[in-house]
Amino acid sequence: MLHIDRRRFLKTVGIAGAASLAGLPALALRDAGLSKIAIIHTNDLHSRLDPYPEDDTDYPGMGGFARIAALINKTRKENQHVLVLDAGDVFQGTPYFNMYGGKPELKLMSKMGYDAAAFGNHEFDNGKDGFLEVLPYADFPFLAANYDFSDTILAGRVKDYTIIRRGDLKIGVYGLGIEMEGLVSQNLYGSTVYMDPIAVAREMEEKLHSHYGCDLIICLSHLGYKYEDDQVSDTCIANETRLTHLIIGGHTHTLLDPPAVLKNKAGKEVWIAQAGYGGAYAGRLNVYVDRQAENHFVESYTIKLGQKQG
């Protein structure tokens, strides 16, 4: 499904006659003062390297890393600047993880060219030692700014944020992880300290905006979309920050089709995206940045990976 509310943005950048920004050539976008980045995002892949069985109740014949790779390759052929992100829980869910501890997942994601992943709670499933053992197979950083690993063997191995350049855009991506207590056995996360994700998100976005001058700020979150109680979620992060433009989430296995659009504390729009579970779907965001006016606009798609109707 395509979700787009283009009228006001197109008018702002002086190309209100266009039916879709996606149909404009790069030269026209440049002349309009826009920069474009195409983002493919996944979450909660849970070691689902192969497609679901044809007789699966929810996702018959869908998913599989080969289809994700095909989508990424197709997107790269059609777009000059592409970003590939995952919102955590890469591990656990099929015998691949039980046998190999995450090595094939990370090797394949590296071959696909992932740029960053959030640190999900299931990344702890083989303990800190198990994660550290397979981490060299990841050619991309795992992010969790609100996990303090200082007193663990993961100190310096999981990052708070990463800064990525695509064309003339500087993109800051920071990670947030969910509260471990009651969800992960303490012996698995050890001395890892969980910090308030709202306070950390404010710190990260300010650093990426003011210190590093990022044009686009993305929160890669494994907090979950929203809850009935007061547990911190992606909607809380959206409402309580000022400078974060996109939140790409995981953990609650929510299929947001289209992504949610909320207002932040500055009254500006924040897009929240999440693509379900197990790689049966992937998300696609076309982000247009008017750097001079500091405007951002998003075209969003949800892509079913497979021919079967789940």
Protein backbone atom coordinates (compact mmCIF):
# COMPACT_ATOMS: atom_id res chain seq x y z
CA MET A 1 0.00 0.00 0.00
CA LEU A 2 1.16 3.54 -0.78
CA HIS A 3 0.47 6.24 1.78
CA ILE A 4 1.09 9.82 0.77
CA ASP A 5 -0.25 13.20 1.82
CA ARG A 6 1.66 15.29 -0.67
CA ARG A 7 -0.32 18.43 -1.34
CA ARG A 8 1.09 20.78 1.29
CA PHE A 9 4.67 19.62 0.83
CA LEU A 10 4.57 19.90 -2.97
CA LYS A 11 3.15 23.39 -2.69
CA THR A 12 5.88 24.33 -0.22
CA VAL A 13 8.68 23.32 -2.59
CA GLY A 14 7.02 24.86 -5.64
CA ILE A 15 6.12 21.73 -7.64
CA ALA A 16 2.46 21.45 -6.73
CA GLY A 17 1.51 20.23 -10.18
CA ALA A 18 3.38 16.95 -9.75
CA ALA A 19 1.33 13.82 -9.21
CA SER A 20 4.08 12.15 -7.19
CA LEU A 21 7.57 13.04 -6.10
CA ALA A 22 8.62 9.48 -6.91
CA GLY A 23 7.96 10.12 -10.57
CA LEU A 24 10.23 13.15 -10.79
CA PRO A 25 13.73 12.74 -12.21
CA ALA A 26 16.73 13.49 -10.02
CA LEU A 27 17.37 16.77 -11.84
CA ALA A 28 13.87 18.03 -11.10
CA LEU A 29 14.24 17.12 -7.44
CA ARG A 30 17.56 18.94 -7.29
CA ASP A 31 16.11 22.02 -8.97
CA ALA A 32 13.30 21.99 -6.41
CA GLY A 33 15.91 21.93 -3.64
CA LEU A 34 15.11 18.37 -2.56
CA SER A 35 17.32 15.43 -1.65
CA LYS A 36 15.89 11.91 -1.74
CA ILE A 37 16.80 8.76 0.17
CA ALA A 38 15.03 5.39 -0.28
CA ILE A 39 14.90 3.30 2.91
CA ILE A 40 14.19 -0.43 3.10
CA HIS A 41 13.42 -1.56 6.64
CA THR A 42 12.78 -4.89 8.35
CA ASN A 43 12.27 -5.98 11.95
CA ASP A 44 11.89 -9.12 14.02
CA LEU A 45 13.34 -11.37 11.34
CA HIS A 46 13.81 -14.08 13.99
CA SER A 47 16.23 -16.20 11.97
CA ARG A 48 13.62 -16.79 9.24
CA LEU A 49 16.18 -17.36 6.48
CA ASP A 50 13.86 -19.56 4.42
CA PRO A 51 10.32 -18.70 3.30
CA TYR A 52 7.44 -19.85 5.45
CA PRO A 53 5.98 -23.24 4.47
CA GLU A 54 3.21 -23.20 1.90
CA ASP A 55 0.79 -24.49 4.54
CA ASP A 56 1.64 -21.84 7.15
CA THR A 57 -1.55 -20.40 8.64
CA ASP A 58 -0.44 -16.77 8.69
CA TYR A 59 2.21 -16.34 5.97
CA PRO A 60 1.95 -19.22 3.47
CA GLY A 61 4.99 -19.26 1.20
CA MET A 62 5.99 -15.73 2.18
CA GLY A 63 9.25 -14.17 3.31
CA GLY A 64 12.79 -15.52 3.24
CA PHE A 65 16.11 -13.69 3.05
CA ALA A 66 16.35 -14.27 -0.72
CA ARG A 67 13.23 -12.14 -1.24
CA ILE A 68 14.56 -9.42 1.04
CA ALA A 69 17.79 -9.43 -0.97
CA ALA A 70 15.85 -9.19 -4.25
CA LEU A 71 13.88 -6.21 -2.93
CA ILE A 72 17.06 -4.44 -1.81
CA ASN A 73 18.76 -5.07 -5.15
CA LYS A 74 15.73 -3.82 -7.08
CA THR A 75 15.56 -0.68 -4.92
CA ARG A 76 19.25 0.02 -5.49
CA LYS A 77 18.82 -0.30 -9.26
CA GLU A 78 15.97 2.21 -9.23
CA ASN A 79 17.37 4.72 -6.74
CA GLN A 80 20.67 6.53 -6.45
CA HIS A 81 20.72 6.63 -2.64
CA VAL A 82 19.45 3.72 -0.52
CA LEU A 83 19.55 2.94 3.20
CA VAL A 84 18.80 -0.52 4.65
CA LEU A 85 17.89 -0.81 8.34
CA ASP A 86 16.64 -3.48 10.75
CA ALA A 87 14.86 -2.78 14.04
CA GLY A 88 16.09 -5.75 16.04
CA ASP A 89 15.44 -9.37 17.00
CA VAL A 90 17.49 -10.70 14.13
CA PHE A 91 18.01 -13.88 16.19
CA GLN A 92 15.89 -16.77 17.49
CA GLY A 93 12.93 -18.54 15.93
CA THR A 94 14.25 -21.29 13.63
CA PRO A 95 16.81 -24.11 13.92
CA TYR A 96 19.33 -21.94 12.08
CA PHE A 97 19.85 -19.95 15.26
CA ASN A 98 19.91 -23.03 17.49
CA MET A 99 22.57 -24.63 15.29
CA TYR A 100 24.73 -21.66 14.31
CA GLY A 101 24.07 -18.96 16.91
CA GLY A 102 23.33 -16.13 14.46
CA LYS A 103 26.29 -16.49 12.10
CA PRO A 104 24.28 -17.10 8.88
CA GLU A 105 21.86 -14.27 9.66
CA LEU A 106 24.64 -11.73 10.05
CA LYS A 107 26.63 -12.99 7.06
CA LEU A 108 23.59 -12.74 4.79
CA MET A 109 22.55 -9.32 6.10
CA SER A 110 26.11 -8.12 5.49
CA LYS A 111 25.98 -9.41 1.90
CA MET A 112 22.66 -7.60 1.45
CA GLY A 113 24.31 -4.38 2.59
CA TYR A 114 22.40 -3.54 5.77
CA ASP A 115 23.58 -0.23 7.20
CA ALA A 116 22.54 -0.70 10.85
CA ALA A 117 20.37 -2.79 13.18
CA ALA A 118 18.81 -2.13 16.56
CA PHE A 119 19.86 -4.41 19.41
CA GLY A 120 16.74 -6.47 20.17
CA ASN A 121 16.09 -8.45 23.34
CA HIS A 122 16.64 -11.75 21.47
CA GLU A 123 20.14 -10.64 20.60
CA PHE A 124 20.83 -11.59 24.24
CA ASP A 125 19.56 -15.18 23.79
CA ASN A 126 23.02 -16.76 23.73
CA GLY A 127 24.26 -14.28 26.29
CA LYS A 128 26.79 -11.53 25.76
CA ASP A 129 29.48 -14.09 24.91
CA GLY A 130 27.32 -15.66 22.22
CA PHE A 131 26.55 -12.31 20.64
CA LEU A 132 30.18 -11.24 20.72
CA GLU A 133 31.23 -14.51 19.09
CA VAL A 134 29.13 -13.90 15.96
CA LEU A 135 29.37 -10.09 15.85
CA PRO A 136 32.43 -10.16 13.51
CA TYR A 137 30.15 -11.51 10.78
CA ALA A 138 28.16 -8.24 10.82
CA ASP A 139 29.56 -5.59 8.50
CA PHE A 140 27.12 -3.11 10.06
CA PRO A 141 26.72 -1.71 13.59
CA PHE A 142 24.19 -2.79 16.20
CA LEU A 143 22.75 0.25 17.99
CA ALA A 144 21.36 0.67 21.52
CA ALA A 145 22.01 4.11 23.02
CA ASN A 146 20.04 3.37 26.21
CA TYR A 147 21.99 0.20 27.06
CA ASP A 148 25.15 0.93 29.04
CA PHE A 149 27.53 -1.93 28.31
CA SER A 150 30.50 -0.26 30.07
CA ASP A 151 30.97 -3.05 32.61
CA THR A 152 30.49 -5.90 30.13
CA ILE A 153 32.43 -7.57 27.33
CA LEU A 154 30.25 -5.66 24.85
CA ALA A 155 31.72 -2.30 25.88
CA GLY A 156 32.49 -0.42 22.68
CA ARG A 157 31.01 -3.17 20.51
CA VAL A 158 27.40 -1.91 20.43
CA LYS A 159 27.12 1.72 19.39
CA ASP A 160 24.80 4.53 20.46
CA TYR A 161 24.44 5.89 16.93
CA THR A 162 25.92 5.89 13.47
CA ILE A 163 26.19 8.66 10.89
CA ILE A 164 25.72 7.73 7.24
CA ARG A 165 26.23 9.90 4.17
CA ARG A 166 24.13 9.40 1.07
CA GLY A 167 24.69 11.99 -1.62
CA ASP A 168 24.49 15.41 0.00
CA LEU A 169 22.55 14.10 3.00
CA LYS A 170 24.04 13.41 6.40
CA ILE A 171 21.82 10.87 8.16
CA GLY A 172 22.03 10.18 11.89
CA VAL A 173 20.63 6.88 13.18
CA TYR A 174 20.41 6.11 16.90
CA GLY A 175 19.17 2.95 18.57
CA LEU A 176 16.87 2.27 21.52
CA GLY A 177 16.33 -1.08 23.25
CA ILE A 178 13.54 -2.37 25.46
CA GLU A 179 13.66 -2.84 29.23
CA MET A 180 15.40 -6.17 29.89
CA GLU A 181 14.14 -6.92 33.40
CA GLY A 182 11.27 -9.40 33.27
CA LEU A 183 11.92 -10.09 29.58
CA VAL A 184 15.51 -11.34 29.47
CA SER A 185 17.16 -13.56 32.07
CA GLN A 186 19.57 -11.49 34.14
CA ASN A 187 22.38 -13.98 33.62
CA LEU A 188 22.20 -13.24 29.88
CA TYR A 189 22.54 -9.46 30.05
CA GLY A 190 24.66 -9.37 33.23
CA SER A 191 25.87 -5.89 34.18
CA THR A 192 24.19 -4.17 31.23
CA VAL A 193 22.38 -1.07 32.52
CA TYR A 194 19.05 0.01 31.02
CA MET A 195 18.56 3.78 30.77
CA ASP A 196 15.43 5.86 30.24
CA PRO A 197 14.81 5.78 26.47
CA ILE A 198 13.03 9.14 26.36
CA ALA A 199 15.91 10.98 28.03
CA VAL A 200 18.43 9.15 25.85
CA ALA A 201 16.44 9.88 22.67
CA ARG A 202 16.48 13.60 23.48
CA GLU A 203 20.21 13.46 24.09
CA MET A 204 20.89 11.56 20.87
CA GLU A 205 18.75 13.75 18.60
CA GLU A 206 20.29 16.92 20.01
CA LYS A 207 23.80 15.58 19.45
CA LEU A 208 23.02 14.43 15.90
CA HIS A 209 21.30 17.71 15.03
CA SER A 210 23.40 20.36 16.76
CA HIS A 211 26.84 18.77 17.01
CA TYR A 212 26.94 16.72 13.81
CA GLY A 213 24.53 18.72 11.66
CA CYS A 214 22.50 15.74 10.45
CA ASP A 215 19.82 16.51 7.85
CA LEU A 216 17.74 13.46 8.72
CA ILE A 217 17.51 11.82 12.17
CA ILE A 218 16.19 8.27 12.50
CA CYS A 219 15.43 6.37 15.69
CA LEU A 220 15.94 2.63 15.16
CA SER A 221 13.83 1.27 17.98
CA HIS A 222 13.12 -2.08 19.60
CA LEU A 223 10.76 -0.58 22.18
CA GLY A 224 7.48 -1.63 20.55
CA TYR A 225 4.85 0.49 18.81
CA LYS A 226 2.51 1.29 21.75
CA TYR A 227 1.05 -0.21 24.91
CA GLU A 228 -2.08 0.07 27.03
CA ASP A 229 -0.03 0.91 30.13
CA ASP A 230 2.72 3.50 30.65
CA GLN A 231 5.54 1.41 29.19
CA VAL A 232 7.70 3.54 26.91
CA SER A 233 6.97 2.89 23.23
CA ASP A 234 7.65 4.37 19.82
CA THR A 235 4.60 6.60 20.15
CA CYS A 236 6.05 7.97 23.41
CA ILE A 237 9.37 8.70 21.71
CA ALA A 238 7.56 10.49 18.89
CA ASN A 239 5.51 12.62 21.28
CA GLU A 240 8.40 13.47 23.62
CA THR A 241 11.13 14.45 21.14
CA ARG A 242 11.66 17.46 18.88
CA LEU A 243 14.26 16.58 16.27
CA THR A 244 13.69 12.93 15.34
CA HIS A 245 12.07 12.61 11.90
CA LEU A 246 11.52 8.85 11.56
CA ILE A 247 11.07 6.00 14.02
CA ILE A 248 11.61 2.56 12.53
CA GLY A 249 10.46 0.07 15.12
CA GLY A 250 10.17 -3.54 16.14
CA HIS A 251 9.38 -5.85 19.08
CA THR A 252 5.56 -5.74 18.99
CA HIS A 253 5.42 -7.35 15.51
CA THR A 254 3.08 -4.58 14.38
CA LEU A 255 2.32 -4.25 10.69
CA LEU A 256 1.85 -0.52 10.21
CA ASP A 257 0.28 -0.14 6.78
CA PRO A 258 0.52 2.80 6.35
CA PRO A 259 3.02 4.04 8.94
CA ALA A 260 1.64 6.17 11.76
CA VAL A 261 2.13 9.93 11.61
CA LEU A 262 2.27 11.74 14.97
CA LYS A 263 3.20 15.22 16.14
CA ASN A 264 6.30 15.76 18.22
CA LYS A 265 6.83 18.31 21.01
CA ALA A 266 7.65 20.95 18.41
CA GLY A 267 4.40 20.30 16.55
CA LYS A 268 6.16 18.67 13.58
CA GLU A 269 5.29 15.34 11.98
CA VAL A 270 7.09 12.13 12.95
CA TRP A 271 6.62 8.94 10.94
CA ILE A 272 6.58 5.58 12.76
CA ALA A 273 7.10 2.46 10.65
CA GLN A 274 7.10 -1.25 11.53
CA ALA A 275 6.86 -4.22 9.16
CA GLY A 276 5.28 -7.06 11.10
CA TYR A 277 7.17 -10.26 11.83
CA GLY A 278 9.53 -12.80 10.32
CA GLY A 279 10.29 -11.02 7.06
CA ALA A 280 6.90 -11.71 5.51
CA TYR A 281 6.72 -7.97 4.83
CA ALA A 282 9.26 -5.20 4.42
CA GLY A 283 8.83 -1.45 4.58
CA ARG A 284 9.87 1.11 2.00
CA LEU A 285 10.15 4.81 2.76
CA ASN A 286 11.00 7.46 0.19
CA VAL A 287 12.21 10.43 2.22
CA TYR A 288 12.51 13.87 0.61
CA VAL A 289 14.47 16.51 2.48
CA ASP A 290 14.24 20.24 1.79
CA ARG A 291 17.44 21.16 3.61
CA GLN A 292 17.04 24.92 3.28
CA ALA A 293 13.57 24.99 4.82
CA GLU A 294 14.24 21.97 7.08
CA ASN A 295 11.14 20.24 5.73
CA HIS A 296 10.82 16.48 5.43
CA PHE A 297 8.29 14.47 3.48
CA VAL A 298 7.75 10.71 3.36
CA GLU A 299 6.14 8.40 0.82
CA SER A 300 5.59 5.03 2.46
CA TYR A 301 4.97 1.55 1.11
CA THR A 302 4.42 -1.83 2.72
CA ILE A 303 5.70 -4.68 0.57
CA LYS A 304 4.44 -8.26 0.82
CA LEU A 305 7.34 -10.64 0.21
CA GLY A 306 5.75 -13.51 -1.67
CA GLN A 307 2.84 -14.23 -3.97
CA LYS A 308 0.61 -15.91 -1.43
CA GLN A 309 -2.06 -13.98 0.42
CA GLY A 310 -1.34 -14.42 4.14
